[in-house]
Amino acid sequence: QLQLVESEGGLVQPGGSLRLSCTCSGFTLDYYAIGWFRQAPGKEREGVSYISSSGGSTDYADSVKGRFTISRDNDKNTVYLQMNSLKPEDTAVYYCAAKVSFYSDYVPHHGGEYDYWGQGTQVTVSS
């Protein structure tokens, strides 16, 4: 059974850091592009960061560029989102998603392109 499981989020003070992980089971991560999305209360889901199946291409929403870093460890079947200099506006439920993509540098940006989703994890940035 194919599953994506995000690590536990949490409460972080403004300016703090948090690393989320997305562990994949039931499939080989090598063949999937991965995206991180988030949804704040009352707002639409938005893309945060993406990494190609090859790992050679990444992209970020303008709102997180320079603060967030996406990476992948295929041996551990895990993708990470390192979040630094967190702001209250980063508060949201964060989701990882996987799209079938064989040995490609393509970076899918739209949620509708993704085939599988995790259950989401809450990140709250507040003092």
C-alpha atoms as a PDB file:
ATOM      1  CA  GLN A   1       0.000   0.000   0.000  1.00  0.00           C
ATOM      2  CA  LEU A   2       1.446   3.316  -1.085  1.00  0.00           C
ATOM      3  CA  GLN A   3       1.667   5.853   1.744  1.00  0.00           C
ATOM      4  CA  LEU A   4       3.184   9.247   2.462  1.00  0.00           C
ATOM      5  CA  VAL A   5       3.637  10.131   6.101  1.00  0.00           C
ATOM      6  CA  GLU A   6       4.698  13.567   7.269  1.00  0.00           C
ATOM      7  CA  SER A   7       6.610  13.981  10.489  1.00  0.00           C
ATOM      8  CA  GLU A   8       5.015  15.724  13.398  1.00  0.00           C
ATOM      9  CA  GLY A   9       4.987  19.504  13.074  1.00  0.00           C
ATOM     10  CA  GLY A  10       4.656  21.656  16.123  1.00  0.00           C
ATOM     11  CA  LEU A  11       4.719  25.054  17.703  1.00  0.00           C
ATOM     12  CA  VAL A  12       7.711  27.227  16.841  1.00  0.00           C
ATOM     13  CA  GLN A  13       8.554  30.772  17.828  1.00  0.00           C
ATOM     14  CA  PRO A  14       8.970  33.381  15.102  1.00  0.00           C
ATOM     15  CA  GLY A  15      12.497  33.227  13.753  1.00  0.00           C
ATOM     16  CA  GLY A  16      12.811  29.595  14.708  1.00  0.00           C
ATOM     17  CA  SER A  17      13.442  26.515  12.602  1.00  0.00           C
ATOM     18  CA  LEU A  18      11.732  23.226  11.980  1.00  0.00           C
ATOM     19  CA  ARG A  19      12.455  20.305   9.690  1.00  0.00           C
ATOM     20  CA  LEU A  20       9.596  18.311   8.261  1.00  0.00           C
ATOM     21  CA  SER A  21      10.089  14.910   6.722  1.00  0.00           C
ATOM     22  CA  CYS A  22       7.934  12.960   4.323  1.00  0.00           C
ATOM     23  CA  THR A  23       8.556   9.230   4.458  1.00  0.00           C
ATOM     24  CA  CYS A  24       7.245   7.122   1.623  1.00  0.00           C
ATOM     25  CA  SER A  25       6.287   3.476   1.899  1.00  0.00           C
ATOM     26  CA  GLY A  26       4.972   1.007  -0.604  1.00  0.00           C
ATOM     27  CA  PHE A  27       6.917   2.497  -3.484  1.00  0.00           C
ATOM     28  CA  THR A  28      10.409   3.535  -4.513  1.00  0.00           C
ATOM     29  CA  LEU A  29      10.930   7.235  -4.070  1.00  0.00           C
ATOM     30  CA  ASP A  30      13.370   7.355  -7.002  1.00  0.00           C
ATOM     31  CA  TYR A  31      10.482   7.408  -9.477  1.00  0.00           C
ATOM     32  CA  TYR A  32       8.567  10.270  -7.939  1.00  0.00           C
ATOM     33  CA  ALA A  33       8.725  14.032  -7.870  1.00  0.00           C
ATOM     34  CA  ILE A  34       7.734  15.388  -4.469  1.00  0.00           C
ATOM     35  CA  GLY A  35       6.017  18.595  -3.527  1.00  0.00           C
ATOM     36  CA  TRP A  36       5.248  20.299  -0.256  1.00  0.00           C
ATOM     37  CA  PHE A  37       2.001  22.232  -0.010  1.00  0.00           C
ATOM     38  CA  ARG A  38       0.315  24.066   2.825  1.00  0.00           C
ATOM     39  CA  GLN A  39      -3.121  25.312   3.722  1.00  0.00           C
ATOM     40  CA  ALA A  40      -3.849  27.949   6.314  1.00  0.00           C
ATOM     41  CA  PRO A  41      -7.309  28.375   7.853  1.00  0.00           C
ATOM     42  CA  GLY A  42      -9.631  30.151   5.469  1.00  0.00           C
ATOM     43  CA  LYS A  43      -7.104  30.094   2.654  1.00  0.00           C
ATOM     44  CA  GLU A  44      -6.570  28.010  -0.428  1.00  0.00           C
ATOM     45  CA  ARG A  45      -3.883  25.372  -0.570  1.00  0.00           C
ATOM     46  CA  GLU A  46      -0.619  26.723  -1.925  1.00  0.00           C
ATOM     47  CA  GLY A  47       2.549  25.138  -3.191  1.00  0.00           C
ATOM     48  CA  VAL A  48       5.619  25.670  -1.037  1.00  0.00           C
ATOM     49  CA  SER A  49       8.471  23.683  -2.509  1.00  0.00           C
ATOM     50  CA  TYR A  50       9.118  20.976  -5.085  1.00  0.00           C
ATOM     51  CA  ILE A  51      11.880  18.571  -6.038  1.00  0.00           C
ATOM     52  CA  SER A  52      12.205  16.517  -9.196  1.00  0.00           C
ATOM     53  CA  SER A  53      12.563  12.742  -9.211  1.00  0.00           C
ATOM     54  CA  SER A  54      16.173  13.161 -10.302  1.00  0.00           C
ATOM     55  CA  GLY A  55      16.805  15.541  -7.415  1.00  0.00           C
ATOM     56  CA  GLY A  56      18.448  17.863  -9.898  1.00  0.00           C
ATOM     57  CA  SER A  57      15.715  20.487  -9.899  1.00  0.00           C
ATOM     58  CA  THR A  58      14.012  22.281  -7.061  1.00  0.00           C
ATOM     59  CA  ASP A  59      11.721  25.271  -6.832  1.00  0.00           C
ATOM     60  CA  TYR A  60      10.155  27.390  -4.127  1.00  0.00           C
ATOM     61  CA  ALA A  61       7.263  29.745  -3.650  1.00  0.00           C
ATOM     62  CA  ASP A  62       8.432  33.349  -3.504  1.00  0.00           C
ATOM     63  CA  SER A  63       7.166  33.577   0.067  1.00  0.00           C
ATOM     64  CA  VAL A  64       9.665  30.954   1.292  1.00  0.00           C
ATOM     65  CA  LYS A  65      12.659  31.443  -1.007  1.00  0.00           C
ATOM     66  CA  GLY A  66      15.847  31.835   0.967  1.00  0.00           C
ATOM     67  CA  ARG A  67      14.224  30.412   4.098  1.00  0.00           C
ATOM     68  CA  PHE A  68      13.103  26.884   3.146  1.00  0.00           C
ATOM     69  CA  THR A  69      15.190  24.105   1.628  1.00  0.00           C
ATOM     70  CA  ILE A  70      13.873  20.886   0.125  1.00  0.00           C
ATOM     71  CA  SER A  71      16.037  17.791  -0.180  1.00  0.00           C
ATOM     72  CA  ARG A  72      15.634  14.077  -0.709  1.00  0.00           C
ATOM     73  CA  ASP A  73      17.349  10.922   0.483  1.00  0.00           C
ATOM     74  CA  ASN A  74      16.217   8.121  -1.787  1.00  0.00           C
ATOM     75  CA  ASP A  75      18.042   5.517   0.288  1.00  0.00           C
ATOM     76  CA  LYS A  76      15.782   6.440   3.195  1.00  0.00           C
ATOM     77  CA  ASN A  77      12.754   6.980   0.965  1.00  0.00           C
ATOM     78  CA  THR A  78      12.383  10.370   2.586  1.00  0.00           C
ATOM     79  CA  VAL A  79      12.077  13.979   1.500  1.00  0.00           C
ATOM     80  CA  TYR A  80      12.840  16.827   3.874  1.00  0.00           C
ATOM     81  CA  LEU A  81      11.700  20.420   4.166  1.00  0.00           C
ATOM     82  CA  GLN A  82      14.035  22.514   6.281  1.00  0.00           C
ATOM     83  CA  MET A  83      12.229  25.654   7.381  1.00  0.00           C
ATOM     84  CA  ASN A  84      14.260  28.513   8.835  1.00  0.00           C
ATOM     85  CA  SER A  85      13.397  32.060   9.897  1.00  0.00           C
ATOM     86  CA  LEU A  86       9.810  31.007  10.371  1.00  0.00           C
ATOM     87  CA  LYS A  87       7.119  33.660  10.367  1.00  0.00           C
ATOM     88  CA  PRO A  88       3.581  33.632  11.770  1.00  0.00           C
ATOM     89  CA  GLU A  89       2.288  33.596   8.187  1.00  0.00           C
ATOM     90  CA  ASP A  90       3.946  30.188   7.730  1.00  0.00           C
ATOM     91  CA  THR A  91       1.340  28.747  10.081  1.00  0.00           C
ATOM     92  CA  ALA A  92      -0.580  26.083   8.187  1.00  0.00           C
ATOM     93  CA  VAL A  93      -1.160  22.394   7.712  1.00  0.00           C
ATOM     94  CA  TYR A  94       1.703  21.112   5.582  1.00  0.00           C
ATOM     95  CA  TYR A  95       1.237  18.264   3.133  1.00  0.00           C
ATOM     96  CA  CYS A  96       3.682  16.316   1.029  1.00  0.00           C
ATOM     97  CA  ALA A  97       2.616  14.868  -2.288  1.00  0.00           C
ATOM     98  CA  ALA A  98       4.150  12.515  -4.853  1.00  0.00           C
ATOM     99  CA  LYS A  99       3.893  12.447  -8.619  1.00  0.00           C
ATOM    100  CA  VAL A 100       5.059   9.580 -10.801  1.00  0.00           C
ATOM    101  CA  SER A 101       8.042  10.884 -12.762  1.00  0.00           C
ATOM    102  CA  PHE A 102      10.785   8.615 -14.073  1.00  0.00           C
ATOM    103  CA  TYR A 103      14.320  10.024 -14.051  1.00  0.00           C
ATOM    104  CA  SER A 104      13.174  13.516 -14.807  1.00  0.00           C
ATOM    105  CA  ASP A 105      14.143  17.053 -13.931  1.00  0.00           C
ATOM    106  CA  TYR A 106      10.521  18.127 -14.281  1.00  0.00           C
ATOM    107  CA  VAL A 107       9.182  19.968 -11.242  1.00  0.00           C
ATOM    108  CA  PRO A 108       5.382  19.816 -10.983  1.00  0.00           C
ATOM    109  CA  HIS A 109       3.945  22.937  -9.363  1.00  0.00           C
ATOM    110  CA  HIS A 110       0.226  22.304  -9.335  1.00  0.00           C
ATOM    111  CA  GLY A 111      -1.509  20.168  -6.756  1.00  0.00           C
ATOM    112  CA  GLY A 112      -3.648  18.575  -9.443  1.00  0.00           C
ATOM    113  CA  GLU A 113      -0.550  17.021 -10.995  1.00  0.00           C
ATOM    114  CA  TYR A 114       0.202  14.923  -7.935  1.00  0.00           C
ATOM    115  CA  ASP A 115      -0.929  11.336  -7.538  1.00  0.00           C
ATOM    116  CA  TYR A 116      -0.581  10.722  -3.815  1.00  0.00           C
ATOM    117  CA  TRP A 117      -0.882  12.857  -0.692  1.00  0.00           C
ATOM    118  CA  GLY A 118       0.069  12.603   2.939  1.00  0.00           C
ATOM    119  CA  GLN A 119      -2.333  13.284   5.780  1.00  0.00           C
ATOM    120  CA  GLY A 120      -0.812  16.634   6.685  1.00  0.00           C
ATOM    121  CA  THR A 121       0.919  18.016   9.743  1.00  0.00           C
ATOM    122  CA  GLN A 122       0.233  21.231  11.646  1.00  0.00           C
ATOM    123  CA  VAL A 123       2.925  23.875  11.892  1.00  0.00           C
ATOM    124  CA  THR A 124       2.185  26.847  14.121  1.00  0.00           C
ATOM    125  CA  VAL A 125       4.510  29.829  14.333  1.00  0.00           C
ATOM    126  CA  SER A 126       3.673  31.954  17.327  1.00  0.00           C
ATOM    127  CA  SER A 127       5.235  33.546  20.356  1.00  0.00           C
END
